[in-house]
Amino acid sequence: MIRRPLTIATAQSSIGADPRTNGIQIRQLMQQARAAGASLVHFPEGAISGYPKSEIRSWDAVDWPALRQELDATASHARSLGIAVVLGSAHPLTPSHRPHNSLYVISAAGELVDRYDKRYCSHSEITDWFSPGFEACVFEVDGWRF
């Protein structure tokens, strides 16, 4: 099987505590990545949710409904651009459990195809901020397996 080359963009967005502001910039960077020919764009940890200690002082301060809306808007934008996205975000769990430090995998069709929950957390992540994940994540973009 001959696979065509795959262009991957790695985007470093400004990360703040407001998912709405983060989402706007993420979608702008998605558009730039697609215009440059990328089929997949990758964002850092906490890109849409904000990251603990620097932007987030408490999980109670996170606007979880706004975060969900921004994830949906990002998936819709991925569909309209035809670009796959790997997007860092905290993922809420049931009360009394700390969130996962996750990467959402969104297809070029705008579908959430998987979510990787960081398994090997640092000491401060595991004791103060996050619950670890347990599974690996494998996905495909244009015939390439990640």
Protein backbone atom coordinates (compact mmCIF):
# COMPACT_ATOMS: atom_id res chain seq x y z
CA MET A 1 0.00 0.00 0.00
CA ILE A 2 1.37 3.38 -0.99
CA ARG A 3 0.39 6.14 1.37
CA ARG A 4 0.45 9.76 0.40
CA PRO A 5 2.56 12.08 2.54
CA LEU A 6 0.89 13.46 5.65
CA THR A 7 1.45 17.02 6.80
CA ILE A 8 1.13 17.52 10.56
CA ALA A 9 0.95 20.93 12.20
CA THR A 10 1.96 21.41 15.81
CA ALA A 11 0.24 24.49 17.18
CA GLN A 12 1.22 26.35 20.32
CA SER A 13 -1.73 28.43 21.38
CA SER A 14 -1.87 30.85 24.27
CA ILE A 15 -3.46 28.99 27.16
CA GLY A 16 -5.66 30.74 29.69
CA ALA A 17 -8.35 29.81 32.19
CA ASP A 18 -11.26 30.70 29.87
CA PRO A 19 -12.21 27.85 27.49
CA ARG A 20 -14.05 30.30 25.23
CA THR A 21 -10.96 32.43 24.62
CA ASN A 22 -8.83 29.30 24.20
CA GLY A 23 -11.35 27.84 21.75
CA ILE A 24 -11.37 30.92 19.52
CA GLN A 25 -7.60 30.83 19.17
CA ILE A 26 -7.53 27.07 18.65
CA ARG A 27 -10.00 27.35 15.77
CA GLN A 28 -7.96 30.18 14.21
CA LEU A 29 -4.83 28.01 14.39
CA MET A 30 -6.74 25.07 12.90
CA GLN A 31 -7.65 27.27 9.96
CA GLN A 32 -4.02 28.36 9.49
CA ALA A 33 -2.83 24.76 9.69
CA ARG A 34 -5.34 23.64 7.06
CA ALA A 35 -4.44 26.57 4.78
CA ALA A 36 -0.79 25.44 5.02
CA GLY A 37 -1.79 21.95 3.88
CA ALA A 38 -1.94 20.08 7.18
CA SER A 39 -4.24 17.08 7.53
CA LEU A 40 -3.68 16.87 11.30
CA VAL A 41 -3.07 19.58 13.88
CA HIS A 42 -1.78 18.83 17.38
CA PHE A 43 -2.22 21.10 20.41
CA PRO A 44 -0.53 20.91 23.85
CA GLU A 45 -1.81 19.72 27.22
CA GLY A 46 -4.61 21.86 28.59
CA ALA A 47 -4.92 23.87 25.36
CA ILE A 48 -8.68 24.30 25.62
CA SER A 49 -9.31 23.86 29.36
CA GLY A 50 -6.30 25.68 30.79
CA TYR A 51 -3.63 23.97 32.82
CA PRO A 52 -3.41 23.51 36.61
CA LYS A 53 -1.34 25.79 38.77
CA SER A 54 -0.60 28.32 36.03
CA GLU A 55 -4.14 29.01 34.74
CA ILE A 56 -6.33 26.90 37.00
CA ARG A 57 -6.08 27.20 40.78
CA SER A 58 -9.03 24.89 41.51
CA TRP A 59 -11.15 22.54 39.41
CA ASP A 60 -14.20 24.24 40.92
CA ALA A 61 -13.28 27.37 38.95
CA VAL A 62 -13.48 25.64 35.55
CA ASP A 63 -16.55 26.43 33.46
CA TRP A 64 -17.20 22.82 32.43
CA PRO A 65 -20.33 23.60 30.33
CA ALA A 66 -18.37 26.23 28.37
CA LEU A 67 -15.56 23.73 27.90
CA ARG A 68 -18.03 21.20 26.45
CA GLN A 69 -19.43 23.88 24.10
CA GLU A 70 -15.92 24.75 22.92
CA LEU A 71 -15.07 21.10 22.28
CA ASP A 72 -18.25 20.79 20.21
CA ALA A 73 -17.44 23.99 18.30
CA THR A 74 -13.91 22.72 17.65
CA ALA A 75 -15.23 19.39 16.34
CA SER A 76 -17.66 21.24 14.07
CA HIS A 77 -14.83 23.42 12.80
CA ALA A 78 -12.68 20.33 12.15
CA ARG A 79 -15.52 18.97 9.99
CA SER A 80 -15.88 22.23 8.05
CA LEU A 81 -12.12 22.39 7.40
CA GLY A 82 -11.62 18.66 6.85
CA ILE A 83 -8.74 18.50 9.33
CA ALA A 84 -8.09 16.04 12.16
CA VAL A 85 -7.26 17.48 15.59
CA VAL A 86 -5.49 16.23 18.70
CA LEU A 87 -6.49 18.64 21.45
CA GLY A 88 -5.27 18.80 25.05
CA SER A 89 -7.85 19.33 27.78
CA ALA A 90 -8.81 18.35 31.27
CA HIS A 91 -11.63 15.79 31.13
CA PRO A 92 -14.10 15.88 34.03
CA LEU A 93 -14.93 12.75 35.99
CA THR A 94 -17.67 12.15 38.54
CA PRO A 95 -17.55 14.32 41.68
CA SER A 96 -14.81 13.55 44.19
CA HIS A 97 -12.55 12.27 41.37
CA ARG A 98 -9.98 14.60 39.87
CA PRO A 99 -10.15 15.05 36.07
CA HIS A 100 -8.02 13.22 33.55
CA ASN A 101 -5.27 15.09 31.70
CA SER A 102 -6.50 14.17 28.24
CA LEU A 103 -5.94 14.50 24.54
CA TYR A 104 -9.14 14.45 22.50
CA VAL A 105 -8.79 12.93 19.02
CA ILE A 106 -11.21 14.54 16.57
CA SER A 107 -11.49 13.24 13.02
CA ALA A 108 -11.61 15.37 9.89
CA ALA A 109 -15.32 14.45 9.82
CA GLY A 110 -15.71 16.27 13.14
CA GLU A 111 -16.24 13.13 15.22
CA LEU A 112 -14.62 12.45 18.58
CA VAL A 113 -12.89 9.17 17.73
CA ASP A 114 -10.95 8.63 20.93
CA ARG A 115 -9.54 10.22 24.05
CA TYR A 116 -6.15 9.51 25.53
CA ASP A 117 -6.00 9.98 29.30
CA LYS A 118 -2.42 10.54 30.45
CA ARG A 119 -1.29 7.40 32.24
CA TYR A 120 2.08 8.40 33.64
CA CYS A 121 1.50 11.54 35.64
CA SER A 122 4.15 13.47 37.54
CA HIS A 123 4.14 13.43 41.34
CA SER A 124 2.33 16.79 41.61
CA GLU A 125 -0.16 15.81 38.89
CA ILE A 126 -1.09 12.55 40.59
CA THR A 127 -1.20 13.90 44.16
CA ASP A 128 -2.90 17.25 43.55
CA TRP A 129 -4.50 17.57 40.13
CA PHE A 130 -5.30 14.56 37.96
CA SER A 131 -6.56 10.99 37.96
CA PRO A 132 -4.42 8.75 35.73
CA GLY A 133 -5.75 7.01 32.65
CA PHE A 134 -5.33 3.32 31.91
CA GLU A 135 -5.51 2.75 28.15
CA ALA A 136 -3.35 3.48 25.13
CA CYS A 137 -4.89 5.32 22.21
CA VAL A 138 -4.47 4.38 18.55
CA PHE A 139 -6.07 6.28 15.68
CA GLU A 140 -5.64 6.78 11.93
CA VAL A 141 -5.47 9.84 9.73
CA ASP A 142 -5.32 9.40 5.95
CA GLY A 143 -4.11 5.80 6.31
CA TRP A 144 -1.38 6.67 8.83
CA ARG A 145 -1.62 5.03 12.23
CA PHE A 146 -0.75 6.93 15.42
